N, C-alpha and C. Protein backbone atom coordinates (compact mmCIF):
# COMPACT_ATOMS: atom_id res chain seq x y z
N UNK A 1 56.69 -11.72 8.16
CA UNK A 1 55.72 -12.52 8.90
C UNK A 1 55.61 -12.02 10.35
N UNK A 2 56.76 -11.79 10.98
CA UNK A 2 56.73 -11.29 12.37
C UNK A 2 56.07 -9.93 12.45
N UNK A 3 56.28 -9.12 11.43
CA UNK A 3 55.69 -7.78 11.42
C UNK A 3 54.17 -7.87 11.42
N UNK A 4 53.63 -8.74 10.62
CA UNK A 4 52.18 -8.90 10.54
C UNK A 4 51.64 -9.40 11.87
N UNK A 5 52.31 -10.36 12.47
CA UNK A 5 51.88 -10.88 13.77
C UNK A 5 51.96 -9.80 14.83
N UNK A 6 53.05 -9.04 14.83
CA UNK A 6 53.21 -7.95 15.81
C UNK A 6 52.13 -6.90 15.62
N UNK A 7 51.84 -6.53 14.38
CA UNK A 7 50.77 -5.57 14.12
C UNK A 7 49.42 -6.11 14.55
N UNK A 8 49.18 -7.37 14.31
CA UNK A 8 47.92 -7.98 14.73
C UNK A 8 47.76 -7.97 16.25
N UNK A 9 48.83 -8.33 16.95
CA UNK A 9 48.79 -8.33 18.42
C UNK A 9 48.61 -6.91 18.93
N UNK A 10 49.32 -5.96 18.34
CA UNK A 10 49.19 -4.55 18.75
C UNK A 10 47.79 -4.03 18.52
N UNK A 11 47.22 -4.37 17.37
CA UNK A 11 45.84 -3.95 17.09
C UNK A 11 44.88 -4.55 18.09
N UNK A 12 45.04 -5.84 18.38
CA UNK A 12 44.15 -6.53 19.32
C UNK A 12 44.26 -5.92 20.71
N UNK A 13 45.49 -5.65 21.17
CA UNK A 13 45.69 -5.06 22.50
C UNK A 13 45.09 -3.66 22.57
N UNK A 14 45.30 -2.87 21.53
CA UNK A 14 44.71 -1.53 21.50
C UNK A 14 43.20 -1.58 21.53
N UNK A 15 42.65 -2.51 20.82
CA UNK A 15 41.19 -2.67 20.79
C UNK A 15 40.66 -3.06 22.17
N UNK A 16 41.37 -3.97 22.84
CA UNK A 16 40.94 -4.39 24.17
C UNK A 16 41.01 -3.22 25.16
N UNK A 17 42.06 -2.42 25.07
CA UNK A 17 42.18 -1.26 25.95
C UNK A 17 41.03 -0.28 25.70
N UNK A 18 40.71 -0.05 24.43
CA UNK A 18 39.62 0.85 24.10
C UNK A 18 38.29 0.32 24.59
N UNK A 19 38.05 -0.96 24.43
CA UNK A 19 36.79 -1.57 24.89
C UNK A 19 36.66 -1.43 26.41
N UNK A 20 37.74 -1.73 27.14
CA UNK A 20 37.69 -1.60 28.59
C UNK A 20 37.47 -0.15 29.02
N UNK A 21 38.13 0.77 28.33
CA UNK A 21 37.95 2.19 28.65
C UNK A 21 36.51 2.61 28.38
N UNK A 22 35.96 2.17 27.27
CA UNK A 22 34.59 2.51 26.91
C UNK A 22 33.60 1.96 27.95
N UNK A 23 33.85 0.76 28.44
CA UNK A 23 32.97 0.17 29.47
C UNK A 23 33.04 0.98 30.76
N UNK A 24 34.26 1.39 31.15
CA UNK A 24 34.40 2.19 32.38
C UNK A 24 33.67 3.52 32.25
N UNK A 25 33.79 4.16 31.10
CA UNK A 25 33.11 5.44 30.88
C UNK A 25 31.60 5.25 30.93
N UNK A 26 31.11 4.19 30.31
CA UNK A 26 29.66 3.92 30.31
C UNK A 26 29.15 3.66 31.72
N UNK A 27 29.91 2.88 32.51
CA UNK A 27 29.49 2.63 33.90
C UNK A 27 29.47 3.91 34.72
N UNK A 28 30.46 4.78 34.51
CA UNK A 28 30.52 6.05 35.25
C UNK A 28 29.33 6.93 34.86
N UNK A 29 29.01 6.99 33.58
CA UNK A 29 27.85 7.78 33.14
C UNK A 29 26.56 7.24 33.72
N UNK A 30 26.43 5.91 33.74
CA UNK A 30 25.22 5.30 34.28
C UNK A 30 25.10 5.57 35.78
N UNK A 31 26.21 5.50 36.50
CA UNK A 31 26.17 5.77 37.94
C UNK A 31 25.79 7.23 38.20
N UNK A 32 26.33 8.14 37.40
CA UNK A 32 26.01 9.56 37.57
C UNK A 32 24.54 9.81 37.27
N UNK A 33 24.05 9.18 36.20
CA UNK A 33 22.64 9.31 35.84
C UNK A 33 21.74 8.75 36.94
N UNK A 34 22.13 7.61 37.50
CA UNK A 34 21.33 7.01 38.56
C UNK A 34 21.30 7.90 39.80
N UNK A 35 22.42 8.51 40.14
CA UNK A 35 22.46 9.43 41.29
C UNK A 35 21.54 10.62 41.06
N UNK A 36 21.57 11.17 39.84
CA UNK A 36 20.70 12.30 39.53
C UNK A 36 19.23 11.89 39.57
N UNK A 37 18.94 10.69 39.07
CA UNK A 37 17.57 10.20 39.07
C UNK A 37 17.08 9.98 40.50
N UNK A 38 17.90 9.39 41.33
CA UNK A 38 17.52 9.16 42.73
C UNK A 38 17.30 10.49 43.45
N UNK A 39 18.17 11.47 43.20
CA UNK A 39 17.99 12.79 43.82
C UNK A 39 16.68 13.42 43.38
N UNK A 40 16.36 13.29 42.09
CA UNK A 40 15.10 13.83 41.58
C UNK A 40 13.91 13.12 42.21
N UNK A 41 13.98 11.80 42.31
CA UNK A 41 12.86 11.05 42.89
C UNK A 41 12.69 11.37 44.37
N UNK A 42 13.79 11.57 45.09
CA UNK A 42 13.70 11.94 46.50
C UNK A 42 13.04 13.30 46.67
N UNK A 43 13.33 14.19 45.74
CA UNK A 43 12.74 15.52 45.79
C UNK A 43 11.23 15.46 45.56
N UNK A 44 10.81 14.60 44.63
CA UNK A 44 9.39 14.52 44.29
C UNK A 44 8.59 13.63 45.23
N UNK A 45 9.21 12.56 45.72
CA UNK A 45 8.50 11.60 46.57
C UNK A 45 9.47 11.09 47.64
N UNK A 46 9.29 11.50 48.87
CA UNK A 46 10.27 11.15 49.91
C UNK A 46 10.20 9.71 50.44
N UNK A 47 9.43 8.82 49.83
CA UNK A 47 9.36 7.43 50.28
C UNK A 47 10.65 6.72 49.88
N UNK A 48 11.50 6.43 50.84
CA UNK A 48 12.82 5.88 50.59
C UNK A 48 12.80 4.46 50.03
N UNK A 49 11.87 3.64 50.47
CA UNK A 49 11.89 2.23 50.06
C UNK A 49 11.53 2.02 48.60
N UNK A 50 10.82 2.94 48.00
CA UNK A 50 10.41 2.78 46.60
C UNK A 50 11.36 3.44 45.62
N UNK A 51 12.18 4.37 46.09
CA UNK A 51 13.01 5.16 45.18
C UNK A 51 14.03 4.30 44.44
N UNK A 52 14.76 3.47 45.15
CA UNK A 52 15.77 2.63 44.52
C UNK A 52 15.13 1.67 43.52
N UNK A 53 13.97 1.13 43.88
CA UNK A 53 13.27 0.21 42.98
C UNK A 53 12.82 0.93 41.72
N UNK A 54 12.30 2.15 41.86
CA UNK A 54 11.87 2.92 40.70
C UNK A 54 13.05 3.28 39.81
N UNK A 55 14.17 3.67 40.42
CA UNK A 55 15.35 4.03 39.64
C UNK A 55 15.85 2.83 38.84
N UNK A 56 15.92 1.67 39.46
CA UNK A 56 16.36 0.48 38.75
C UNK A 56 15.40 0.10 37.62
N UNK A 57 14.11 0.28 37.87
CA UNK A 57 13.11 -0.04 36.85
C UNK A 57 13.23 0.92 35.67
N UNK A 58 13.43 2.20 35.94
CA UNK A 58 13.55 3.19 34.86
C UNK A 58 14.82 3.01 34.05
N UNK A 59 15.91 2.63 34.73
CA UNK A 59 17.18 2.44 34.02
C UNK A 59 17.31 1.05 33.41
N UNK A 60 16.39 0.18 33.72
CA UNK A 60 16.41 -1.15 33.13
C UNK A 60 17.41 -2.08 33.79
N UNK A 61 17.71 -1.87 35.06
CA UNK A 61 18.66 -2.75 35.78
C UNK A 61 17.93 -3.83 36.52
């Protein structure tokens, strides 16, 4: 009985670690993509006040 409970807790903890890691990786990718998008928009249109708004609109934030 203890073995099953220990395995269940271990599985749950491992899953939580993986989920948190996956979220961090996704946030890092999104931030990198947003930086690249902003750099591209600055290159094409130097209006600073609209760039951040366009980037958020394109990324769905």
